[in-house]
Amino acid sequence: MMDDNSLPGITKVWFAMGAHGLQWKPGSTEISGVSCQARLLGIKEGWAISMINGVPITESHMAWNELLKCKKAGQKYSIYFRKDEASIRADQIKAEAERAKRQKAQDEARKREMAERKIREDAEKKRADEQAAKKQEYWDKQNAGGVAADVPEAAPAAAAGAPPR
């Protein structure tokens, strides 16, 4: 399992007990071949072993001794690798693409949210306007109906000369 470290070019990989699958150039810690666990865990040729289980590695014999200790211990162990320049560039390009994709998704979500909010506000305004129009229509009917009903009664009474009640 690879851990995502904040340092570009350095990666920590956890190996299980058993064959690690690492081959390195004699006299150095640069990886020259991968198989087994190393291949499955994504280790690439050109990377260099930096640390095994917390022990700094500077020469190939140190790597060999530490890997034997880890193998005999029968437990998971971690190896830090320094990546080659091409791997670092590829990781940076991949990270930038992921960042751009995430930003685009956030922008689209923000636009969608704003559009939904506008639709909701417009619908609420329309409902409020319709309700206000219905209230006004009701009051207009009430006022018009009340005045029309009162006027005919008052008109015959005034014509008869009787005082209004």
Protein backbone atom coordinates (compact mmCIF):
# COMPACT_ATOMS: atom_id res chain seq x y z
CA MET A 1 0.00 0.00 0.00
CA MET A 2 1.39 3.41 -0.99
CA ASP A 3 1.08 6.36 1.36
CA ASP A 4 0.65 9.81 -0.15
CA ASN A 5 3.40 11.91 1.38
CA SER A 6 3.56 15.67 1.19
CA LEU A 7 7.14 15.56 -0.10
CA PRO A 8 7.23 15.23 -3.87
CA GLY A 9 9.50 12.45 -5.00
CA ILE A 10 9.37 10.48 -1.74
CA THR A 11 6.89 7.69 -1.19
CA LYS A 12 6.34 5.20 1.61
CA VAL A 13 5.23 1.70 0.67
CA TRP A 14 4.15 -1.05 3.08
CA PHE A 15 5.31 -4.55 2.21
CA ALA A 16 3.91 -7.76 3.69
CA MET A 17 6.13 -10.60 4.79
CA GLY A 18 7.42 -12.73 1.95
CA ALA A 19 9.24 -12.00 -1.29
CA HIS A 20 9.58 -8.25 -1.80
CA GLY A 21 10.42 -8.49 -5.52
CA LEU A 22 13.04 -5.73 -5.53
CA GLN A 23 16.25 -5.89 -7.56
CA TRP A 24 18.77 -3.07 -7.44
CA LYS A 25 21.97 -2.15 -9.18
CA PRO A 26 25.14 -3.44 -7.48
CA GLY A 27 26.78 -0.80 -5.31
CA SER A 28 23.72 1.48 -5.26
CA THR A 29 20.13 1.49 -4.04
CA GLU A 30 18.58 2.28 -7.44
CA ILE A 31 15.91 -0.22 -8.45
CA SER A 32 16.73 -2.12 -11.65
CA GLY A 33 13.88 -4.63 -11.64
CA VAL A 34 10.55 -5.28 -9.93
CA SER A 35 8.40 -8.36 -9.49
CA CYS A 36 6.03 -9.91 -6.94
CA GLN A 37 4.91 -7.42 -4.27
CA ALA A 38 6.97 -4.55 -5.64
CA ARG A 39 5.26 -4.76 -9.05
CA LEU A 40 1.81 -5.06 -7.46
CA LEU A 41 2.50 -2.07 -5.20
CA GLY A 42 3.50 0.13 -8.13
CA ILE A 43 7.25 0.40 -7.60
CA LYS A 44 9.06 1.56 -10.76
CA GLU A 45 12.55 1.00 -12.10
CA GLY A 46 14.77 4.01 -11.50
CA TRP A 47 13.47 4.64 -8.00
CA ALA A 48 15.99 4.38 -5.15
CA ILE A 49 15.59 2.81 -1.72
CA SER A 50 15.93 5.54 0.89
CA MET A 51 14.86 3.90 4.16
CA ILE A 52 13.73 0.44 5.28
CA ASN A 53 11.72 0.11 8.48
CA GLY A 54 13.11 3.40 9.79
CA VAL A 55 16.75 2.61 8.97
CA PRO A 56 18.40 4.98 6.44
CA ILE A 57 19.89 3.07 3.49
CA THR A 58 22.91 4.44 1.63
CA GLU A 59 24.48 1.31 0.10
CA SER A 60 23.19 -1.88 -1.49
CA HIS A 61 24.52 -4.21 1.24
CA MET A 62 22.58 -2.20 3.86
CA ALA A 63 19.39 -2.67 1.85
CA TRP A 64 20.03 -6.40 1.55
CA ASN A 65 20.66 -6.81 5.32
CA GLU A 66 17.59 -4.79 6.34
CA LEU A 67 15.32 -6.64 3.90
CA LEU A 68 16.54 -9.98 5.28
CA LYS A 69 15.80 -8.80 8.84
CA CYS A 70 12.31 -7.73 7.81
CA LYS A 71 11.68 -10.99 5.98
CA LYS A 72 12.75 -13.03 9.01
CA ALA A 73 10.61 -10.90 11.38
CA GLY A 74 7.48 -12.07 9.56
CA GLN A 75 5.68 -8.73 9.87
CA LYS A 76 4.72 -5.87 7.59
CA TYR A 77 7.48 -3.35 6.99
CA SER A 78 7.78 0.01 5.28
CA ILE A 79 10.22 1.14 2.63
CA TYR A 80 10.71 4.75 1.60
CA PHE A 81 11.63 5.31 -2.04
CA ARG A 82 13.08 8.33 -3.84
CA LYS A 83 11.36 8.55 -7.19
CA ASP A 84 13.13 9.30 -10.44
CA GLU A 85 12.53 12.60 -12.25
CA ALA A 86 10.08 11.14 -14.78
CA SER A 87 7.93 9.66 -11.99
CA ILE A 88 7.92 12.96 -10.12
CA ARG A 89 6.80 14.83 -13.25
CA ALA A 90 4.09 12.24 -13.94
CA ASP A 91 2.84 12.54 -10.34
CA GLN A 92 2.77 16.34 -10.60
CA ILE A 93 0.85 16.22 -13.88
CA LYS A 94 -1.61 13.73 -12.39
CA ALA A 95 -2.05 15.86 -9.25
CA GLU A 96 -2.64 19.00 -11.35
CA ALA A 97 -5.22 17.17 -13.50
CA GLU A 98 -7.02 15.94 -10.38
CA ARG A 99 -6.95 19.45 -8.90
CA ALA A 100 -8.40 20.91 -12.12
CA LYS A 101 -11.08 18.21 -12.22
CA ARG A 102 -12.02 18.88 -8.58
CA GLN A 103 -12.14 22.65 -9.24
CA LYS A 104 -14.35 22.13 -12.30
CA ALA A 105 -16.71 19.91 -10.30
CA GLN A 106 -16.89 22.54 -7.53
CA ASP A 107 -17.62 25.29 -10.08
CA GLU A 108 -20.36 23.21 -11.71
CA ALA A 109 -21.88 22.42 -8.31
CA ARG A 110 -21.80 26.12 -7.39
CA LYS A 111 -23.50 27.09 -10.70
CA ARG A 112 -26.13 24.39 -10.25
CA GLU A 113 -26.78 25.53 -6.68
CA MET A 114 -27.15 29.15 -7.79
CA ALA A 115 -29.55 28.16 -10.59
CA GLU A 116 -31.63 26.07 -8.18
CA ARG A 117 -31.70 28.94 -5.67
CA LYS A 118 -32.87 31.36 -8.39
CA ILE A 119 -35.60 28.94 -9.49
CA ARG A 120 -36.71 28.51 -5.88
CA GLU A 121 -36.73 32.28 -5.25
CA ASP A 122 -38.66 32.92 -8.48
CA ALA A 123 -41.23 30.27 -7.55
CA GLU A 124 -41.63 31.75 -4.05
CA LYS A 125 -42.04 35.25 -5.52
CA LYS A 126 -44.62 33.98 -8.02
CA ARG A 127 -46.58 32.26 -5.22
CA ALA A 128 -46.44 35.40 -3.09
CA ASP A 129 -47.60 37.56 -6.02
CA GLU A 130 -50.46 35.15 -6.82
CA GLN A 131 -51.52 35.09 -3.17
CA ALA A 132 -51.40 38.89 -2.97
CA ALA A 133 -53.46 39.14 -6.20
CA LYS A 134 -56.06 36.69 -4.79
CA LYS A 135 -56.27 38.69 -1.54
CA GLN A 136 -56.68 41.93 -3.48
CA GLU A 137 -59.35 40.34 -5.69
CA TYR A 138 -61.20 39.10 -2.60
CA TRP A 139 -61.08 42.53 -0.95
CA ASP A 140 -62.14 44.22 -4.16
CA LYS A 141 -65.16 41.88 -4.40
CA GLN A 142 -65.98 42.44 -0.74
CA ASN A 143 -65.77 46.21 -1.03
CA ALA A 144 -67.61 46.34 -4.37
CA GLY A 145 -70.32 43.97 -3.16
CA GLY A 146 -70.82 45.84 0.09
CA VAL A 147 -71.10 49.28 -1.54
CA ALA A 148 -73.49 48.06 -4.27
CA ALA A 149 -75.73 46.36 -1.72
CA ASP A 150 -75.80 49.44 0.53
CA VAL A 151 -76.49 51.95 -2.23
CA PRO A 152 -79.86 50.54 -3.44
CA GLU A 153 -81.21 50.39 0.09
CA ALA A 154 -80.11 53.93 0.85
CA ALA A 155 -81.44 55.31 -2.45
CA PRO A 156 -85.13 54.24 -1.95
CA ALA A 157 -85.04 55.42 1.64
CA ALA A 158 -83.72 58.83 0.59
CA ALA A 159 -86.34 59.04 -2.15
CA ALA A 160 -89.13 58.29 0.29
CA GLY A 161 -87.91 61.07 2.52
CA ALA A 162 -87.32 58.79 5.44
CA PRO A 163 -84.25 59.33 7.47
CA PRO A 164 -81.60 56.75 6.89
CA ARG A 165 -81.28 54.15 9.58
